[in-house]
Amino acid sequence: MKQEQFHIPVELQQLISADEAYHYRIVPLGQSNGTLSLATDAQNIAKLKGELTILLNRTIELSEVSEEHLEKYLATNYRKKAKSESENLGYSNDFLEKILLTAKEIGSSDIHFEPYETKCRVRFRLDGKLKEQYIIPIEEYPVIANRIKIKAQLDISEKRLPQDGRITISDGFDEFDIRVSSLPTLHGEKIVLRILSRDANHINLDSLGFTDIELKRYIEATKNPNGIILISGPTGSGKTTTLYATLKLLNDSKTNILTIEDPIEYTLEGINQVQLRENIGLDFPSALRTFLRQDPDVIMVGEIRDAKTANMAIRAALTGHLVLSTIHTNSAWATISRLVDMGIPSFLIASTLNVSVAQRLVRKLCDHCKKEEKVSTELLPEGFEIPNNFKTHHIPVGCQHCYHTGYHGRKAIYEIIPITNGLVHHIKNNALEIDHYLEENKIRTLKDNAIQLLIEGTTSIEEVYALLTK
């Protein structure tokens, strides 16, 4: 085709939508034997060809034309919509890359793309809370969704079923992984991106939030050559981070460490990590059975979900291995009753459990803008007894340093109960309350540590309110 003839046959126009033509800077020139010829003024033709091959599901041939000629092709054959908000913001071509790097830079853990009738909302999870970051016109969203799915090697033609994938991206200094989940909703596919840190070498036990006494008790429990270390808490409470900080402490050339996880959120050189694949029969119990034939010293199980996994963990501990895992309970002591409910005899729990840990994550107030106020009983749960040294508290305000949230960073609150000889009697008798024992042995509960953070001005009442009611 001569470049002066800018009209394209209708059958060719229909192969490329107006959104795709303007977004990718392409126009169709012809097709023959399954090969589609396109004109473009893009600089990175190789990258564009790869994306279009997957997007259009056919062989692509690209011809480079000048920007002036491409504009004439586009204007003649496609009606351009009003300039979108995303274009005004400069995200027309590199929106996805920009948003991923921005999220990584500010420390976001998740990115939510949520389509509605007239717009798509983009929210970042920052320090555990979602914050609206961008609004995209709904007509722009399908192109962005397809780009995400292409990068994650998902089927872009499948929009009716959920899909999961993974993206690896570089910020110029190091690489990081992103877990991708798509979910069909009323107005399109909701996509959530979970930003995963690939390297656990930066995680240390002494920087997570343990008090000096708690850290000493926990490390003592890890020195046992066998037994179980259990960490409890809800989803998103930092259990995996604590586990990896523990593995880092235990990791040396003399120790064989095996892990079974779902998913593998960190990598740590020197340990052998296995990804759970229940669809092919690789579940926690079967992995544990195989682990016992691999001459391990330390075994990490991502989560004890059922009786089979619990029994295998007990068996591993009884045969001379140190087992680390997580479990969903509300307190360190509730872990005992949870194991009993799974059918584990209390005498086995008493003889194999080294330490039971409960933890929560709370947001730390921004030091640049937090404000001090007098404590009012109206802000506290009914029946809460205000300690004598708790006269003032701090509230979030918001500034440029904390992205106007009032908080910056998070800190873990721990409750650590070492299984000593004095506690074995309570376990074997299935005691429901051990408050007296905890007080006698100066073991701080989640509530105790939450109050201490309030007194120090580290966090706010709203962040630990649920813990103060216990």
Protein backbone atom coordinates (compact mmCIF):
# COMPACT_ATOMS: atom_id res chain seq x y z
CA MET A 1 0.00 0.00 0.00
CA LYS A 2 1.29 3.47 -0.82
CA GLN A 3 1.53 5.71 2.16
CA GLU A 4 -0.53 8.40 0.41
CA GLN A 5 -3.56 6.07 0.32
CA PHE A 6 -4.74 6.25 3.91
CA HIS A 7 -8.13 4.48 3.63
CA ILE A 8 -8.14 0.87 4.87
CA PRO A 9 -10.80 -1.71 3.86
CA VAL A 10 -13.57 -2.20 6.43
CA GLU A 11 -12.73 -5.89 6.90
CA LEU A 12 -9.24 -4.90 8.00
CA GLN A 13 -10.49 -2.11 10.28
CA GLN A 14 -12.64 -4.61 12.15
CA LEU A 15 -9.60 -6.69 13.09
CA ILE A 16 -8.30 -3.89 15.33
CA SER A 17 -10.52 -1.85 17.65
CA ALA A 18 -10.11 1.91 17.95
CA ASP A 19 -8.90 1.49 21.55
CA GLU A 20 -6.25 -1.01 20.45
CA ALA A 21 -5.19 1.08 17.45
CA TYR A 22 -4.60 4.25 19.48
CA HIS A 23 -3.18 2.45 22.51
CA TYR A 24 -0.62 0.34 20.63
CA ARG A 25 -0.09 2.90 17.82
CA ILE A 26 -0.94 0.42 15.05
CA VAL A 27 -3.12 0.18 11.92
CA PRO A 28 -3.74 -2.95 9.80
CA LEU A 29 -2.33 -2.92 6.28
CA GLY A 30 -3.31 -6.38 5.08
CA GLN A 31 -3.43 -10.09 5.87
CA SER A 32 -2.24 -13.16 4.02
CA ASN A 33 -1.96 -16.84 5.01
CA GLY A 34 -2.67 -16.09 8.66
CA THR A 35 -0.16 -13.23 8.89
CA LEU A 36 -1.46 -9.77 9.77
CA SER A 37 0.59 -6.82 8.52
CA LEU A 38 0.52 -3.73 10.70
CA ALA A 39 2.00 -0.25 10.48
CA THR A 40 3.43 1.44 13.57
CA ASP A 41 5.68 4.28 14.66
CA ALA A 42 6.67 2.51 17.89
CA GLN A 43 10.34 2.48 18.82
CA ASN A 44 10.49 -0.95 20.46
CA ILE A 45 9.08 -3.04 17.62
CA ALA A 46 10.29 -6.39 19.00
CA LYS A 47 8.46 -5.91 22.31
CA LEU A 48 5.31 -4.68 20.58
CA LYS A 49 5.33 -7.62 18.17
CA GLY A 50 5.47 -10.08 21.07
CA GLU A 51 2.50 -8.49 22.88
CA LEU A 52 0.39 -8.24 19.71
CA THR A 53 1.09 -11.84 18.73
CA ILE A 54 -0.46 -13.00 22.01
CA LEU A 55 -3.19 -10.35 22.07
CA LEU A 56 -4.43 -10.99 18.50
CA ASN A 57 -3.55 -14.71 18.45
CA ARG A 58 -1.94 -14.62 15.02
CA THR A 59 1.39 -14.07 13.28
CA ILE A 60 2.27 -10.38 13.17
CA GLU A 61 4.39 -8.46 10.65
CA LEU A 62 5.23 -4.86 11.57
CA SER A 63 6.18 -2.06 9.18
CA GLU A 64 7.64 1.15 10.51
CA VAL A 65 6.13 4.43 9.28
CA SER A 66 6.62 8.01 10.35
CA GLU A 67 4.57 9.51 13.17
CA GLU A 68 2.92 11.88 10.68
CA HIS A 69 1.74 9.05 8.40
CA LEU A 70 0.53 6.92 11.30
CA GLU A 71 -1.55 9.82 12.64
CA LYS A 72 -3.16 10.16 9.20
CA TYR A 73 -3.91 6.43 9.07
CA LEU A 74 -5.51 6.57 12.52
CA ALA A 75 -7.50 9.73 11.87
CA THR A 76 -8.81 8.44 8.54
CA ASN A 77 -9.87 4.98 9.69
CA TYR A 78 -10.66 5.21 13.40
CA ARG A 79 -12.70 7.73 15.37
CA LYS A 80 -10.63 8.80 18.32
CA LYS A 81 -12.49 9.13 21.61
CA ALA A 82 -12.11 12.14 23.84
CA LYS A 83 -8.75 12.21 25.54
CA SER A 84 -9.01 10.00 28.58
CA GLU A 85 -8.03 10.79 32.12
CA SER A 86 -5.29 8.18 31.95
CA GLU A 87 -3.79 9.90 28.88
CA ASN A 88 -3.97 13.26 30.63
CA LEU A 89 -1.99 11.71 33.46
CA GLY A 90 0.60 10.41 31.02
CA TYR A 91 -0.21 6.72 31.51
CA SER A 92 -1.44 5.96 27.96
CA ASN A 93 1.46 3.69 26.99
CA ASP A 94 3.30 2.82 30.20
CA PHE A 95 0.50 2.92 32.74
CA LEU A 96 1.04 -0.60 34.04
CA GLU A 97 4.80 -0.27 34.43
CA LYS A 98 4.42 3.09 36.14
CA ILE A 99 1.80 1.90 38.61
CA LEU A 100 3.78 -1.23 39.52
CA LEU A 101 6.95 0.71 40.19
CA THR A 102 5.05 3.38 42.13
CA ALA A 103 3.45 0.72 44.33
CA LYS A 104 6.83 -0.91 44.97
CA GLU A 105 8.45 2.44 45.74
CA ILE A 106 5.92 3.47 48.40
CA GLY A 107 5.81 0.01 49.97
CA SER A 108 2.37 -1.17 48.83
CA SER A 109 1.70 -4.90 49.25
CA ASP A 110 -1.29 -5.22 46.87
CA ILE A 111 -2.80 -3.39 43.90
CA HIS A 112 -6.54 -3.72 43.21
CA PHE A 113 -8.05 -3.01 39.77
CA GLU A 114 -11.83 -2.83 40.32
CA PRO A 115 -14.12 -2.22 37.30
CA TYR A 116 -17.54 -0.60 37.77
CA GLU A 117 -20.17 0.67 35.35
CA THR A 118 -18.43 3.90 34.30
CA LYS A 119 -14.94 3.69 35.83
CA CYS A 120 -12.23 1.42 37.12
CA ARG A 121 -10.88 2.15 40.58
CA VAL A 122 -7.23 1.40 41.38
CA ARG A 123 -6.41 1.01 45.06
CA PHE A 124 -3.10 0.35 46.83
CA ARG A 125 -2.87 -1.57 50.08
CA LEU A 126 -0.47 0.49 52.16
CA ASP A 127 0.45 -0.64 55.68
CA GLY A 128 -2.48 -3.05 55.64
CA LYS A 129 -5.19 -0.59 54.53
CA LEU A 130 -6.56 0.11 51.04
CA LYS A 131 -6.15 3.61 49.64
CA GLU A 132 -7.67 4.84 46.38
CA GLN A 133 -4.87 5.86 44.04
CA TYR A 134 -6.28 6.26 40.49
CA ILE A 135 -9.57 6.35 38.61
CA ILE A 136 -9.54 5.01 35.03
CA PRO A 137 -12.38 5.48 32.50
CA ILE A 138 -13.99 2.07 32.02
CA GLU A 139 -13.32 2.09 28.26
CA GLU A 140 -9.58 2.22 28.98
CA TYR A 141 -9.58 -0.70 31.39
CA PRO A 142 -9.83 -3.71 28.98
CA VAL A 143 -6.52 -2.78 27.35
CA ILE A 144 -4.83 -2.49 30.75
CA ALA A 145 -6.36 -5.78 31.92
CA ASN A 146 -5.13 -7.54 28.78
CA ARG A 147 -1.61 -6.18 29.27
CA ILE A 148 -1.58 -7.54 32.83
CA LYS A 149 -2.83 -10.94 31.67
CA ILE A 150 -0.28 -11.08 28.84
CA LYS A 151 2.57 -10.37 31.25
CA ALA A 152 1.23 -13.03 33.65
CA GLN A 153 0.83 -15.53 30.77
CA LEU A 154 -2.91 -15.84 31.34
CA ASP A 155 -5.55 -16.56 28.69
CA ILE A 156 -6.82 -13.14 27.57
CA SER A 157 -9.79 -14.70 25.79
CA GLU A 158 -11.05 -16.30 29.02
CA LYS A 159 -13.09 -13.73 30.93
CA ARG A 160 -15.63 -16.02 32.62
CA LEU A 161 -13.40 -18.00 34.98
CA PRO A 162 -10.88 -16.93 37.65
CA GLN A 163 -7.20 -17.21 36.69
CA ASP A 164 -3.90 -17.02 38.56
CA GLY A 165 -0.46 -16.11 37.26
CA ARG A 166 2.83 -14.48 38.08
CA ILE A 167 4.88 -11.54 36.76
CA THR A 168 8.56 -10.79 37.33
CA ILE A 169 9.53 -7.12 36.98
CA SER A 170 12.67 -5.06 37.56
CA ASP A 171 12.82 -1.61 39.11
CA GLY A 172 16.32 -0.99 37.79
CA PHE A 173 18.04 -2.28 40.94
CA ASP A 174 16.56 -5.69 41.64
CA GLU A 175 13.77 -7.98 40.48
CA PHE A 176 10.56 -8.66 42.34
CA ASP A 177 7.66 -11.05 41.76
CA ILE A 178 3.99 -10.16 41.47
CA ARG A 179 1.22 -12.71 42.01
CA VAL A 180 -1.77 -12.05 39.72
CA SER A 181 -5.36 -13.07 40.43
CA SER A 182 -8.29 -12.28 38.11
CA LEU A 183 -11.93 -12.63 39.15
CA PRO A 184 -14.95 -12.15 36.83
CA THR A 185 -17.37 -9.55 38.25
CA LEU A 186 -20.52 -7.83 37.00
CA HIS A 187 -18.65 -5.09 35.10
CA GLY A 188 -15.47 -6.92 34.11
CA GLU A 189 -12.49 -8.69 35.59
CA LYS A 190 -11.30 -7.55 39.01
CA ILE A 191 -7.54 -8.04 39.10
CA VAL A 192 -5.44 -8.09 42.24
CA LEU A 193 -1.65 -7.93 42.11
CA ARG A 194 0.28 -9.07 45.22
CA ILE A 195 3.84 -7.70 45.33
CA LEU A 196 6.18 -10.33 46.71
CA SER A 197 9.70 -9.77 47.96
CA ARG A 198 12.02 -12.32 46.39
CA ASP A 199 14.76 -12.06 48.99
CA ALA A 200 14.38 -12.76 52.72
CA ASN A 201 17.94 -11.73 53.58
CA HIS A 202 16.73 -8.31 54.77
CA ILE A 203 14.42 -9.85 57.42
CA ASN A 204 15.76 -10.09 60.95
CA LEU A 205 14.06 -11.27 64.15
CA ASP A 206 15.31 -8.31 66.18
CA SER A 207 13.58 -5.80 63.88
CA LEU A 208 10.08 -7.31 63.83
CA GLY A 209 8.67 -6.09 67.16
CA PHE A 210 9.76 -8.57 69.84
CA THR A 211 10.57 -7.12 73.24
CA ASP A 212 13.98 -8.14 74.58
CA ILE A 213 12.50 -10.78 76.90
CA GLU A 214 10.21 -12.17 74.17
CA LEU A 215 13.08 -12.37 71.68
CA LYS A 216 15.21 -14.26 74.18
CA ARG A 217 12.40 -16.73 74.92
CA TYR A 218 11.70 -17.28 71.24
CA ILE A 219 15.33 -17.85 70.28
CA GLU A 220 15.70 -20.32 73.17
CA ALA A 221 12.82 -22.33 71.66
CA THR A 222 14.57 -22.42 68.25
CA LYS A 223 17.71 -23.91 69.80
CA ASN A 224 15.95 -27.20 70.53
CA PRO A 225 16.96 -29.81 67.91
CA ASN A 226 13.40 -31.11 67.73
CA GLY A 227 9.85 -30.04 68.54
CA ILE A 228 7.29 -27.65 67.05
CA ILE A 229 7.21 -23.87 66.87
CA LEU A 230 3.71 -22.61 66.05
CA ILE A 231 2.81 -19.05 65.08
CA SER A 232 -0.87 -18.07 65.11
CA GLY A 233 -2.78 -15.08 63.85
CA PRO A 234 -5.22 -14.00 61.14
CA THR A 235 -4.35 -13.61 57.47
CA GLY A 236 -2.04 -10.66 56.93
CA SER A 237 -0.61 -10.60 60.45
CA GLY A 238 2.99 -11.21 59.36
CA LYS A 239 3.30 -14.89 60.29
CA THR A 240 5.28 -15.80 57.17
CA THR A 241 7.73 -12.96 57.77
CA THR A 242 8.38 -14.23 61.30
CA LEU A 243 8.90 -17.76 59.97
CA TYR A 244 11.45 -16.60 57.42
CA ALA A 245 13.30 -14.49 59.97
CA THR A 246 13.52 -17.70 62.03
CA LEU A 247 14.73 -19.74 59.05
CA LYS A 248 17.38 -17.12 58.36
CA LEU A 249 18.60 -17.53 61.95
CA LEU A 250 18.71 -21.32 61.62
CA ASN A 251 20.19 -21.40 58.12
CA ASP A 252 23.81 -22.53 57.96
CA SER A 253 25.97 -25.01 56.07
CA LYS A 254 25.40 -27.72 58.69
CA THR A 255 21.58 -27.65 58.54
CA ASN A 256 19.23 -29.21 55.98
CA ILE A 257 16.09 -27.04 55.80
CA LEU A 258 13.03 -28.00 53.76
CA THR A 259 9.86 -25.93 53.29
CA ILE A 260 6.43 -26.59 51.76
CA GLU A 261 4.53 -23.36 51.06
CA ASP A 262 1.52 -21.90 49.30
CA PRO A 263 2.71 -19.65 47.81
CA ILE A 264 6.47 -19.21 48.13
CA GLU A 265 6.58 -15.55 49.16
CA TYR A 266 10.32 -15.22 49.86
CA THR A 267 13.46 -16.91 48.65
CA LEU A 268 16.37 -17.65 50.93
CA GLU A 269 19.58 -19.14 49.62
CA GLY A 270 20.54 -22.33 51.43
CA ILE A 271 17.03 -23.68 52.04
CA ASN A 272 15.05 -26.07 49.83
CA GLN A 273 11.60 -24.66 49.02
CA VAL A 274 8.67 -26.59 47.58
CA GLN A 275 5.52 -25.02 46.11
CA LEU A 276 2.23 -26.66 47.18
CA ARG A 277 0.33 -28.15 44.21
CA GLU A 278 -2.83 -29.79 45.52
CA ASN A 279 -4.23 -30.30 41.99
CA ILE A 280 -1.56 -32.95 41.35
CA GLY A 281 -1.56 -34.42 44.87
CA LEU A 282 1.33 -32.42 46.33
CA ASP A 283 -0.34 -31.29 49.56
CA PHE A 284 1.10 -30.62 53.02
CA PRO A 285 0.79 -34.21 54.37
CA SER A 286 2.30 -35.86 51.26
CA ALA A 287 5.15 -33.34 51.18
CA LEU A 288 5.87 -33.96 54.87
CA ARG A 289 5.99 -37.72 54.29
CA THR A 290 8.59 -37.22 51.56
CA PHE A 291 10.51 -34.67 53.62
CA LEU A 292 11.11 -37.29 56.32
CA ARG A 293 13.03 -39.36 53.72
CA GLN A 294 15.20 -36.35 52.79
CA ASP A 295 17.26 -36.32 56.01
CA PRO A 296 16.01 -32.90 57.19
CA ASP A 297 17.04 -31.00 60.30
CA VAL A 298 14.40 -28.26 60.05
CA ILE A 299 11.01 -28.45 58.32
CA MET A 300 8.77 -25.47 57.64
CA VAL A 301 5.11 -26.11 56.81
CA GLY A 302 3.29 -23.06 55.49
CA GLU A 303 0.12 -23.77 57.47
CA ILE A 304 -1.43 -26.51 59.59
CA ARG A 305 -4.91 -26.65 58.07
CA ASP A 306 -6.21 -30.08 59.01
CA ALA A 307 -5.74 -33.14 61.18
CA LYS A 308 -3.55 -34.96 58.62
CA THR A 309 -1.05 -32.13 58.47
CA ALA A 310 -1.09 -31.74 62.25
CA ASN A 311 -0.43 -35.46 62.75
CA MET A 312 2.45 -35.43 60.28
CA ALA A 313 3.97 -32.40 61.99
CA ILE A 314 3.75 -34.17 65.37
CA ARG A 315 5.33 -37.28 63.86
CA ALA A 316 8.19 -35.23 62.39
CA ALA A 317 8.81 -33.57 65.77
CA LEU A 318 8.77 -36.92 67.60
CA THR A 319 11.37 -38.36 65.20
CA GLY A 320 13.92 -35.67 65.96
CA HIS A 321 13.11 -32.75 63.65
CA LEU A 322 12.43 -29.09 64.34
CA VAL A 323 9.11 -28.12 62.73
CA LEU A 324 7.97 -24.54 62.10
CA SER A 325 4.42 -23.73 61.02
CA THR A 326 1.44 -21.39 61.31
CA ILE A 327 -2.12 -21.92 62.48
CA HIS A 328 -5.26 -19.77 62.59
CA THR A 329 -6.19 -19.07 66.22
CA ASN A 330 -6.90 -15.91 68.23
CA SER A 331 -4.24 -16.34 70.91
CA ALA A 332 -1.16 -18.38 71.73
CA TRP A 333 -3.05 -20.49 74.27
CA ALA A 334 -5.97 -21.09 71.88
CA THR A 335 -3.50 -22.95 69.63
CA ILE A 336 -3.50 -25.80 72.16
CA SER A 337 -7.28 -26.27 72.02
CA ARG A 338 -7.19 -26.01 68.22
CA LEU A 339 -4.77 -28.92 68.03
CA VAL A 340 -6.94 -30.90 70.46
CA ASP A 341 -9.96 -30.21 68.21
CA MET A 342 -7.92 -31.69 65.32
CA GLY A 343 -7.60 -34.92 67.30
CA ILE A 344 -4.06 -34.52 68.64
CA PRO A 345 -3.83 -36.01 72.17
CA SER A 346 -2.92 -33.37 74.76
CA PHE A 347 0.04 -35.43 76.05
CA LEU A 348 1.58 -35.36 72.54
CA ILE A 349 1.08 -31.60 72.32
CA ALA A 350 2.78 -31.16 75.71
CA SER A 351 5.77 -33.28 74.66
CA THR A 352 6.34 -31.80 71.19
CA LEU A 353 5.35 -28.11 71.29
CA ASN A 354 8.34 -25.88 72.10
CA VAL A 355 6.62 -22.50 71.96
CA SER A 356 3.25 -21.07 70.97
CA VAL A 357 3.27 -17.59 69.46
CA ALA A 358 0.41 -15.25 68.59
CA GLN A 359 0.98 -12.08 66.62
CA ARG A 360 -0.77 -9.09 65.06
CA LEU A 361 0.41 -6.27 62.83
CA VAL A 362 -0.41 -2.67 63.72
CA ARG A 363 0.33 0.49 61.81
CA LYS A 364 2.84 2.89 63.33
CA LEU A 365 1.87 6.54 63.61
CA CYS A 366 3.82 8.93 61.40
CA ASP A 367 6.43 10.68 63.55
CA HIS A 368 6.16 13.82 61.41
CA CYS A 369 2.47 14.55 61.99
CA LYS A 370 1.04 12.53 64.91
CA LYS A 371 -0.78 14.62 67.50
CA GLU A 372 -0.97 14.12 71.26
CA GLU A 373 -4.30 14.30 73.12
CA LYS A 374 -5.69 13.43 76.54
CA VAL A 375 -7.12 9.94 76.91
CA SER A 376 -10.92 9.83 76.99
CA THR A 377 -12.95 6.83 78.19
CA GLU A 378 -15.28 7.39 75.22
CA LEU A 379 -12.51 6.23 72.86
CA LEU A 380 -11.89 2.98 74.74
CA PRO A 381 -13.91 -0.26 74.96
CA GLU A 382 -16.52 -0.47 77.69
CA GLY A 383 -15.06 -1.84 80.91
CA PHE A 384 -11.45 -1.12 79.93
CA GLU A 385 -9.42 -0.08 82.97
CA ILE A 386 -7.10 2.77 82.06
CA PRO A 387 -3.58 2.23 83.51
CA ASN A 388 -2.26 4.99 85.73
CA ASN A 389 0.60 5.78 83.33
CA PHE A 390 -1.75 6.07 80.33
CA LYS A 391 -2.81 9.72 80.48
CA THR A 392 -2.33 10.81 76.85
CA HIS A 393 -2.47 9.12 73.49
CA HIS A 394 -1.55 10.05 69.91
CA ILE A 395 -3.83 10.31 66.88
CA PRO A 396 -3.07 10.20 63.13
CA VAL A 397 -3.12 13.48 61.19
CA GLY A 398 -1.58 12.95 57.74
CA CYS A 399 1.22 14.67 55.81
CA GLN A 400 3.35 14.22 52.71
CA HIS A 401 5.73 11.85 54.53
CA CYS A 402 2.96 9.29 55.16
CA TYR A 403 0.98 9.89 51.93
CA HIS A 404 -1.66 11.64 54.08
CA THR A 405 -2.66 8.45 55.91
CA GLY A 406 -1.27 9.42 59.32
CA TYR A 407 0.68 6.16 59.49
CA HIS A 408 4.06 5.02 58.22
CA GLY A 409 5.22 1.42 58.49
CA ARG A 410 3.98 -1.44 60.64
CA LYS A 411 5.09 -3.24 63.77
CA ALA A 412 4.29 -6.73 65.03
CA ILE A 413 2.80 -7.33 68.47
CA TYR A 414 3.64 -10.72 69.96
CA GLU A 415 2.38 -13.06 72.65
CA ILE A 416 4.92 -15.79 73.37
CA ILE A 417 4.21 -18.78 75.60
CA PRO A 418 7.15 -21.18 76.04
CA ILE A 419 5.99 -24.69 76.87
CA THR A 420 7.75 -25.23 80.19
CA ASN A 421 7.37 -28.05 82.70
CA GLY A 422 5.04 -25.81 84.69
CA LEU A 423 2.69 -25.49 81.72
CA VAL A 424 2.62 -29.17 80.76
CA HIS A 425 0.14 -29.90 83.59
CA HIS A 426 -2.28 -27.26 82.24
CA ILE A 427 -2.04 -28.70 78.70
CA LYS A 428 -2.63 -32.30 79.79
CA ASN A 429 -5.69 -31.18 81.77
CA ASN A 430 -7.05 -29.13 78.84
CA ALA A 431 -7.16 -25.94 80.92
CA LEU A 432 -9.23 -23.20 79.30
CA GLU A 433 -7.75 -20.22 81.17
CA ILE A 434 -4.15 -19.72 82.23
CA ASP A 435 -4.23 -16.00 83.07
CA HIS A 436 -2.88 -16.67 86.56
CA TYR A 437 0.02 -18.71 85.15
CA LEU A 438 0.87 -15.99 82.59
CA GLU A 439 0.84 -13.30 85.26
CA GLU A 440 3.03 -15.33 87.63
CA ASN A 441 5.59 -15.99 84.89
CA LYS A 442 5.51 -12.40 83.59
CA ILE A 443 4.34 -13.45 80.14
CA ARG A 444 2.91 -10.45 78.31
CA THR A 445 -0.28 -10.94 76.32
CA LEU A 446 -1.24 -9.23 73.06
CA LYS A 447 -3.32 -6.81 75.12
CA ASP A 448 -0.40 -5.96 77.41
CA ASN A 449 1.88 -5.17 74.48
CA ALA A 450 -0.85 -3.17 72.72
CA ILE A 451 -1.27 -0.95 75.78
CA GLN A 452 2.49 -0.44 75.95
CA LEU A 453 2.56 0.78 72.33
CA LEU A 454 -0.23 3.26 73.15
CA ILE A 455 1.69 4.59 76.14
CA GLU A 456 4.82 4.98 73.99
CA GLY A 457 2.86 6.81 71.28
CA THR A 458 3.83 4.23 68.65
CA THR A 459 0.29 3.52 67.45
CA SER A 460 -3.28 4.72 67.89
CA ILE A 461 -6.25 3.43 69.86
CA GLU A 462 -8.16 2.58 66.67
CA GLU A 463 -5.32 0.29 65.53
CA VAL A 464 -5.37 -1.86 68.69
CA TYR A 465 -9.02 -1.42 69.74
CA ALA A 466 -9.89 -5.07 69.10
CA LEU A 467 -7.01 -6.22 71.32
CA LEU A 468 -8.10 -3.98 74.19
CA THR A 469 -11.47 -5.73 74.44
CA LYS A 470 -9.90 -9.10 75.28
